[in-house]
Amino acid sequence: QVQLVESGGGLVQAGGSLRLSCAASGRTFSSYAMGWFRQAPGKEREFVAAISRSGGRISYADSVKGRFTISRDNAKNTVYLQMNSLKPEDTAVYSCAGTDQVNSISVYIRGREYDYWGQGTQVTVSS
């Protein structure tokens, strides 16, 4: 099993930036594709970004393209989500997820493909 712990959330004004981190412990981190998802109050969970095991393949939701960047450091067992030009509609609980199933990057946009989830971190963007 792998345990995932997110950090870096908080309150920021529109146009600001935050960097989320997801630290993994347990089995070999480099064996896991990783994703970020978010859920706003009263809304369904939605895909934000995903990164393959090596970091060579990346996918973003259209709503965050050009503003968010996902990256990973396998030596530190950590995946990151750099969020720039934040908007009030980005307000949500952000969770990271991991899977050791090998698939194309397009598959990793589906939450059901992931076996492990963190507890989430709140991001609030004020207007």
N, C-alpha and C. Protein backbone atom coordinates (compact mmCIF):
# COMPACT_ATOMS: atom_id res chain seq x y z
N GLN A 1 0.82 -1.19 0.00
CA GLN A 1 0.00 0.00 0.00
C GLN A 1 0.86 1.25 0.00
N VAL A 2 0.27 2.35 -0.43
CA VAL A 2 0.95 3.63 -0.39
C VAL A 2 0.05 4.62 0.33
N GLN A 3 0.65 5.44 1.14
CA GLN A 3 -0.08 6.48 1.85
C GLN A 3 0.24 7.82 1.21
N LEU A 4 -0.78 8.64 1.01
CA LEU A 4 -0.62 9.93 0.35
C LEU A 4 -1.07 11.05 1.28
N VAL A 5 -0.25 12.07 1.41
CA VAL A 5 -0.58 13.20 2.27
C VAL A 5 -0.36 14.50 1.51
N GLU A 6 -1.43 15.26 1.34
CA GLU A 6 -1.34 16.53 0.63
C GLU A 6 -1.03 17.67 1.60
N SER A 7 -0.43 18.71 1.05
CA SER A 7 -0.18 19.93 1.81
C SER A 7 -0.07 21.10 0.84
N GLY A 8 -0.12 22.30 1.40
CA GLY A 8 0.08 23.49 0.57
C GLY A 8 -1.18 24.27 0.25
N GLY A 9 -2.34 23.76 0.66
CA GLY A 9 -3.57 24.49 0.40
C GLY A 9 -3.66 25.74 1.27
N GLY A 10 -4.67 26.56 0.99
CA GLY A 10 -4.85 27.77 1.77
C GLY A 10 -5.77 28.74 1.09
N LEU A 11 -5.75 29.96 1.61
CA LEU A 11 -6.58 31.04 1.08
C LEU A 11 -5.69 31.98 0.27
N VAL A 12 -6.13 32.30 -0.95
CA VAL A 12 -5.35 33.16 -1.81
C VAL A 12 -6.31 34.05 -2.61
N GLN A 13 -5.87 35.22 -2.96
CA GLN A 13 -6.69 36.12 -3.78
C GLN A 13 -6.64 35.68 -5.24
N ALA A 14 -7.68 36.04 -5.97
CA ALA A 14 -7.73 35.75 -7.40
C ALA A 14 -6.49 36.33 -8.07
N GLY A 15 -5.92 35.53 -8.97
CA GLY A 15 -4.70 35.93 -9.65
C GLY A 15 -3.43 35.44 -8.96
N GLY A 16 -3.59 34.94 -7.74
CA GLY A 16 -2.44 34.47 -6.98
C GLY A 16 -2.04 33.05 -7.34
N SER A 17 -1.08 32.54 -6.58
CA SER A 17 -0.53 31.21 -6.84
C SER A 17 -0.44 30.40 -5.56
N LEU A 18 -0.51 29.10 -5.74
CA LEU A 18 -0.28 28.14 -4.66
C LEU A 18 0.44 26.93 -5.26
N ARG A 19 1.21 26.27 -4.42
CA ARG A 19 1.85 25.02 -4.84
C ARG A 19 1.44 23.92 -3.89
N LEU A 20 0.74 22.93 -4.41
CA LEU A 20 0.34 21.79 -3.62
C LEU A 20 1.40 20.69 -3.72
N SER A 21 1.57 19.98 -2.63
CA SER A 21 2.47 18.84 -2.60
C SER A 21 1.71 17.61 -2.14
N CYS A 22 2.12 16.47 -2.63
CA CYS A 22 1.55 15.20 -2.21
C CYS A 22 2.71 14.25 -1.94
N ALA A 23 2.93 13.97 -0.67
CA ALA A 23 4.02 13.10 -0.26
C ALA A 23 3.53 11.67 -0.13
N ALA A 24 4.28 10.75 -0.69
CA ALA A 24 3.90 9.34 -0.68
C ALA A 24 4.84 8.54 0.20
N SER A 25 4.28 7.60 0.89
CA SER A 25 5.10 6.68 1.68
C SER A 25 4.60 5.27 1.41
N GLY A 26 5.44 4.31 1.70
CA GLY A 26 5.05 2.94 1.46
C GLY A 26 5.86 2.35 0.33
N ARG A 27 5.17 1.80 -0.64
CA ARG A 27 5.87 1.14 -1.73
C ARG A 27 6.51 2.13 -2.70
N THR A 28 7.23 1.65 -3.68
CA THR A 28 8.03 2.46 -4.57
C THR A 28 7.18 3.49 -5.30
N PHE A 29 7.46 4.74 -5.04
CA PHE A 29 6.68 5.84 -5.60
C PHE A 29 6.76 5.86 -7.12
N SER A 30 7.90 5.53 -7.66
CA SER A 30 8.08 5.60 -9.10
C SER A 30 7.26 4.56 -9.86
N SER A 31 6.64 3.65 -9.14
CA SER A 31 5.77 2.65 -9.77
C SER A 31 4.35 3.16 -9.95
N TYR A 32 4.08 4.36 -9.50
CA TYR A 32 2.72 4.87 -9.48
C TYR A 32 2.54 6.05 -10.42
N ALA A 33 1.53 5.96 -11.27
CA ALA A 33 1.04 7.14 -11.95
C ALA A 33 0.24 7.95 -10.92
N MET A 34 0.29 9.26 -11.04
CA MET A 34 -0.33 10.12 -10.04
C MET A 34 -1.28 11.11 -10.68
N GLY A 35 -2.30 11.45 -9.95
CA GLY A 35 -3.26 12.42 -10.44
C GLY A 35 -3.68 13.39 -9.35
N TRP A 36 -4.17 14.54 -9.78
CA TRP A 36 -4.80 15.51 -8.89
C TRP A 36 -6.27 15.65 -9.32
N PHE A 37 -7.13 15.64 -8.33
CA PHE A 37 -8.56 15.83 -8.55
C PHE A 37 -9.04 16.90 -7.57
N ARG A 38 -10.20 17.48 -7.86
CA ARG A 38 -10.76 18.46 -6.94
C ARG A 38 -12.27 18.30 -6.86
N GLN A 39 -12.80 18.73 -5.73
CA GLN A 39 -14.24 18.67 -5.52
C GLN A 39 -14.69 19.93 -4.80
N ALA A 40 -15.56 20.68 -5.45
CA ALA A 40 -16.13 21.87 -4.86
C ALA A 40 -17.44 21.50 -4.16
N PRO A 41 -17.88 22.29 -3.20
CA PRO A 41 -19.13 22.00 -2.49
C PRO A 41 -20.30 21.85 -3.45
N GLY A 42 -21.05 20.76 -3.30
CA GLY A 42 -22.21 20.53 -4.13
C GLY A 42 -21.92 20.08 -5.54
N LYS A 43 -20.65 19.83 -5.83
CA LYS A 43 -20.29 19.39 -7.18
C LYS A 43 -19.59 18.04 -7.15
N GLU A 44 -19.56 17.39 -8.29
CA GLU A 44 -18.87 16.12 -8.38
C GLU A 44 -17.36 16.34 -8.44
N ARG A 45 -16.65 15.32 -8.04
CA ARG A 45 -15.20 15.36 -8.16
C ARG A 45 -14.81 15.47 -9.62
N GLU A 46 -13.79 16.28 -9.90
CA GLU A 46 -13.35 16.44 -11.28
C GLU A 46 -11.84 16.30 -11.40
N PHE A 47 -11.44 15.81 -12.54
CA PHE A 47 -10.03 15.64 -12.86
C PHE A 47 -9.36 16.99 -13.04
N VAL A 48 -8.11 17.09 -12.55
CA VAL A 48 -7.33 18.31 -12.72
C VAL A 48 -6.10 18.03 -13.59
N ALA A 49 -5.29 17.06 -13.18
CA ALA A 49 -4.05 16.77 -13.90
C ALA A 49 -3.57 15.38 -13.55
N ALA A 50 -2.80 14.78 -14.45
CA ALA A 50 -2.22 13.47 -14.21
C ALA A 50 -0.82 13.42 -14.79
N ILE A 51 0.02 12.56 -14.20
CA ILE A 51 1.39 12.42 -14.65
C ILE A 51 1.77 10.96 -14.59
N SER A 52 2.47 10.49 -15.61
CA SER A 52 2.87 9.09 -15.67
C SER A 52 3.99 8.80 -14.67
N ARG A 53 4.35 7.54 -14.59
CA ARG A 53 5.33 7.12 -13.58
C ARG A 53 6.66 7.82 -13.74
N SER A 54 7.10 7.99 -14.96
CA SER A 54 8.39 8.64 -15.21
C SER A 54 8.27 10.16 -15.32
N GLY A 55 7.05 10.63 -15.46
CA GLY A 55 6.83 12.06 -15.66
C GLY A 55 6.85 12.46 -17.12
N GLY A 56 7.01 11.49 -18.00
CA GLY A 56 7.13 11.81 -19.42
C GLY A 56 5.81 12.10 -20.11
N ARG A 57 4.71 11.69 -19.50
CA ARG A 57 3.38 11.95 -20.06
C ARG A 57 2.53 12.68 -19.04
N ILE A 58 1.87 13.71 -19.52
CA ILE A 58 1.09 14.57 -18.64
C ILE A 58 -0.23 14.91 -19.33
N SER A 59 -1.26 15.05 -18.52
CA SER A 59 -2.57 15.45 -19.04
C SER A 59 -3.18 16.48 -18.10
N TYR A 60 -3.91 17.44 -18.66
CA TYR A 60 -4.58 18.47 -17.88
C TYR A 60 -6.04 18.58 -18.30
N ALA A 61 -6.85 18.97 -17.34
CA ALA A 61 -8.21 19.37 -17.67
C ALA A 61 -8.15 20.68 -18.44
N ASP A 62 -9.09 20.88 -19.36
CA ASP A 62 -9.09 22.10 -20.16
C ASP A 62 -9.19 23.34 -19.28
N SER A 63 -9.88 23.22 -18.17
CA SER A 63 -10.11 24.37 -17.30
C SER A 63 -8.85 24.88 -16.62
N VAL A 64 -7.79 24.07 -16.59
CA VAL A 64 -6.56 24.49 -15.90
C VAL A 64 -5.36 24.59 -16.82
N LYS A 65 -5.52 24.21 -18.08
CA LYS A 65 -4.40 24.25 -19.02
C LYS A 65 -3.83 25.66 -19.12
N GLY A 66 -2.52 25.75 -19.08
CA GLY A 66 -1.85 27.04 -19.16
C GLY A 66 -1.73 27.75 -17.84
N ARG A 67 -2.42 27.25 -16.81
CA ARG A 67 -2.35 27.88 -15.48
C ARG A 67 -1.73 26.94 -14.44
N PHE A 68 -2.01 25.66 -14.54
CA PHE A 68 -1.52 24.68 -13.58
C PHE A 68 -0.42 23.83 -14.22
N THR A 69 0.52 23.40 -13.38
CA THR A 69 1.59 22.51 -13.83
C THR A 69 1.76 21.37 -12.83
N ILE A 70 1.67 20.15 -13.32
CA ILE A 70 1.91 18.98 -12.48
C ILE A 70 3.34 18.51 -12.72
N SER A 71 4.00 18.08 -11.65
CA SER A 71 5.36 17.56 -11.77
C SER A 71 5.58 16.56 -10.65
N ARG A 72 6.65 15.82 -10.75
CA ARG A 72 6.96 14.85 -9.71
C ARG A 72 8.46 14.76 -9.51
N ASP A 73 8.83 14.40 -8.31
CA ASP A 73 10.22 14.14 -7.95
C ASP A 73 10.26 12.76 -7.33
N ASN A 74 10.63 11.77 -8.11
CA ASN A 74 10.61 10.40 -7.62
C ASN A 74 11.63 10.17 -6.51
N ALA A 75 12.68 10.95 -6.49
CA ALA A 75 13.68 10.82 -5.43
C ALA A 75 13.12 11.29 -4.09
N LYS A 76 12.16 12.20 -4.15
CA LYS A 76 11.54 12.72 -2.92
C LYS A 76 10.17 12.13 -2.66
N ASN A 77 9.75 11.20 -3.52
CA ASN A 77 8.43 10.56 -3.35
C ASN A 77 7.31 11.60 -3.28
N THR A 78 7.38 12.59 -4.15
CA THR A 78 6.43 13.70 -4.06
C THR A 78 5.96 14.11 -5.46
N VAL A 79 4.67 14.40 -5.54
CA VAL A 79 4.10 14.99 -6.74
C VAL A 79 3.59 16.38 -6.38
N TYR A 80 3.71 17.30 -7.33
CA TYR A 80 3.37 18.70 -7.08
C TYR A 80 2.29 19.18 -8.04
N LEU A 81 1.60 20.21 -7.62
CA LEU A 81 0.67 20.91 -8.50
C LEU A 81 0.89 22.40 -8.29
N GLN A 82 1.56 23.02 -9.25
CA GLN A 82 1.76 24.47 -9.22
C GLN A 82 0.54 25.13 -9.85
N MET A 83 -0.10 25.99 -9.10
CA MET A 83 -1.33 26.62 -9.56
C MET A 83 -1.11 28.13 -9.64
N ASN A 84 -1.18 28.66 -10.83
CA ASN A 84 -1.01 30.10 -11.07
C ASN A 84 -2.30 30.70 -11.61
N SER A 85 -2.37 32.00 -11.55
CA SER A 85 -3.55 32.73 -12.07
C SER A 85 -4.84 32.13 -11.53
N LEU A 86 -4.88 31.90 -10.26
CA LEU A 86 -6.02 31.24 -9.65
C LEU A 86 -7.29 32.08 -9.77
N LYS A 87 -8.40 31.37 -9.92
CA LYS A 87 -9.71 32.00 -10.07
C LYS A 87 -10.62 31.51 -8.95
N PRO A 88 -11.65 32.28 -8.61
CA PRO A 88 -12.58 31.82 -7.57
C PRO A 88 -13.17 30.44 -7.88
N GLU A 89 -13.37 30.13 -9.14
CA GLU A 89 -13.92 28.82 -9.49
C GLU A 89 -12.95 27.67 -9.28
N ASP A 90 -11.71 27.97 -8.94
CA ASP A 90 -10.76 26.92 -8.58
C ASP A 90 -10.91 26.48 -7.12
N THR A 91 -11.76 27.17 -6.38
CA THR A 91 -11.98 26.82 -4.98
C THR A 91 -12.54 25.41 -4.86
N ALA A 92 -11.85 24.57 -4.08
CA ALA A 92 -12.25 23.17 -3.94
C ALA A 92 -11.31 22.49 -2.96
N VAL A 93 -11.67 21.27 -2.60
CA VAL A 93 -10.73 20.38 -1.90
C VAL A 93 -9.96 19.62 -2.98
N TYR A 94 -8.65 19.73 -2.92
CA TYR A 94 -7.78 19.08 -3.90
C TYR A 94 -7.19 17.82 -3.28
N SER A 95 -7.31 16.72 -4.02
CA SER A 95 -6.79 15.44 -3.55
C SER A 95 -5.86 14.84 -4.59
N CYS A 96 -4.81 14.20 -4.09
CA CYS A 96 -3.95 13.46 -5.01
C CYS A 96 -4.33 11.98 -4.95
N ALA A 97 -4.01 11.27 -6.00
CA ALA A 97 -4.35 9.86 -6.12
C ALA A 97 -3.24 9.13 -6.85
N GLY A 98 -3.12 7.84 -6.58
CA GLY A 98 -2.08 7.05 -7.21
C GLY A 98 -2.58 5.70 -7.66
N THR A 99 -1.97 5.19 -8.71
CA THR A 99 -2.27 3.85 -9.20
C THR A 99 -1.01 3.22 -9.76
N ASP A 100 -0.89 1.91 -9.55
CA ASP A 100 0.25 1.20 -10.12
C ASP A 100 -0.15 0.44 -11.37
N GLN A 101 -1.35 0.68 -11.86
CA GLN A 101 -1.80 0.07 -13.11
C GLN A 101 -1.23 0.86 -14.28
N VAL A 102 -0.62 0.17 -15.21
CA VAL A 102 -0.02 0.82 -16.37
C VAL A 102 -1.08 1.03 -17.44
N ASN A 103 -1.25 2.28 -17.84
CA ASN A 103 -2.24 2.63 -18.84
C ASN A 103 -1.78 3.84 -19.63
N SER A 104 -2.52 4.16 -20.67
CA SER A 104 -2.22 5.40 -21.39
C SER A 104 -2.62 6.58 -20.53
N ILE A 105 -2.03 7.73 -20.81
CA ILE A 105 -2.28 8.90 -19.98
C ILE A 105 -3.75 9.30 -20.01
N SER A 106 -4.43 8.97 -21.11
CA SER A 106 -5.84 9.34 -21.22
C SER A 106 -6.72 8.59 -20.23
N VAL A 107 -6.26 7.44 -19.78
CA VAL A 107 -7.01 6.65 -18.81
C VAL A 107 -6.93 7.28 -17.43
N TYR A 108 -5.84 7.91 -17.13
CA TYR A 108 -5.61 8.43 -15.79
C TYR A 108 -6.45 9.66 -15.46
N ILE A 109 -7.26 10.11 -16.40
CA ILE A 109 -8.16 11.22 -16.08
C ILE A 109 -9.39 10.72 -15.33
N ARG A 110 -9.57 9.43 -15.25
CA ARG A 110 -10.74 8.85 -14.58
C ARG A 110 -10.40 8.50 -13.14
N GLY A 111 -11.17 9.02 -12.22
CA GLY A 111 -10.90 8.78 -10.81
C GLY A 111 -10.96 7.31 -10.44
N ARG A 112 -11.80 6.56 -11.11
CA ARG A 112 -11.97 5.16 -10.76
C ARG A 112 -10.74 4.32 -11.08
N GLU A 113 -9.79 4.89 -11.82
CA GLU A 113 -8.59 4.15 -12.17
C GLU A 113 -7.57 4.14 -11.02
N TYR A 114 -7.82 4.95 -10.00
CA TYR A 114 -6.85 5.10 -8.92
C TYR A 114 -7.22 4.25 -7.72
N ASP A 115 -6.20 3.70 -7.07
CA ASP A 115 -6.40 2.83 -5.93
C ASP A 115 -6.16 3.52 -4.60
N TYR A 116 -5.38 4.58 -4.62
CA TYR A 116 -4.99 5.24 -3.38
C TYR A 116 -5.27 6.73 -3.47
N TRP A 117 -5.78 7.26 -2.37
CA TRP A 117 -6.17 8.66 -2.31
C TRP A 117 -5.66 9.30 -1.02
N GLY A 118 -5.31 10.58 -1.13
CA GLY A 118 -5.00 11.35 0.05
C GLY A 118 -6.27 11.91 0.67
N GLN A 119 -6.11 12.63 1.78
CA GLN A 119 -7.26 13.13 2.51
C GLN A 119 -7.76 14.46 1.95
N GLY A 120 -6.94 15.11 1.14
CA GLY A 120 -7.33 16.36 0.51
C GLY A 120 -6.83 17.58 1.26
N THR A 121 -6.69 18.68 0.53
CA THR A 121 -6.31 19.96 1.10
C THR A 121 -7.19 21.04 0.49
N GLN A 122 -7.65 21.95 1.34
CA GLN A 122 -8.59 22.97 0.89
C GLN A 122 -7.85 24.12 0.20
N VAL A 123 -8.36 24.49 -0.96
CA VAL A 123 -7.88 25.68 -1.67
C VAL A 123 -9.06 26.62 -1.82
N THR A 124 -8.91 27.84 -1.32
CA THR A 124 -9.96 28.84 -1.42
C THR A 124 -9.40 30.08 -2.11
N VAL A 125 -10.07 30.48 -3.18
CA VAL A 125 -9.64 31.64 -3.94
C VAL A 125 -10.69 32.73 -3.80
N SER A 126 -10.30 33.83 -3.23
CA SER A 126 -11.24 34.94 -3.02
C SER A 126 -11.20 35.91 -4.20
N SER A 127 -12.35 36.51 -4.46
CA SER A 127 -12.45 37.44 -5.60
C SER A 127 -12.10 38.86 -5.19
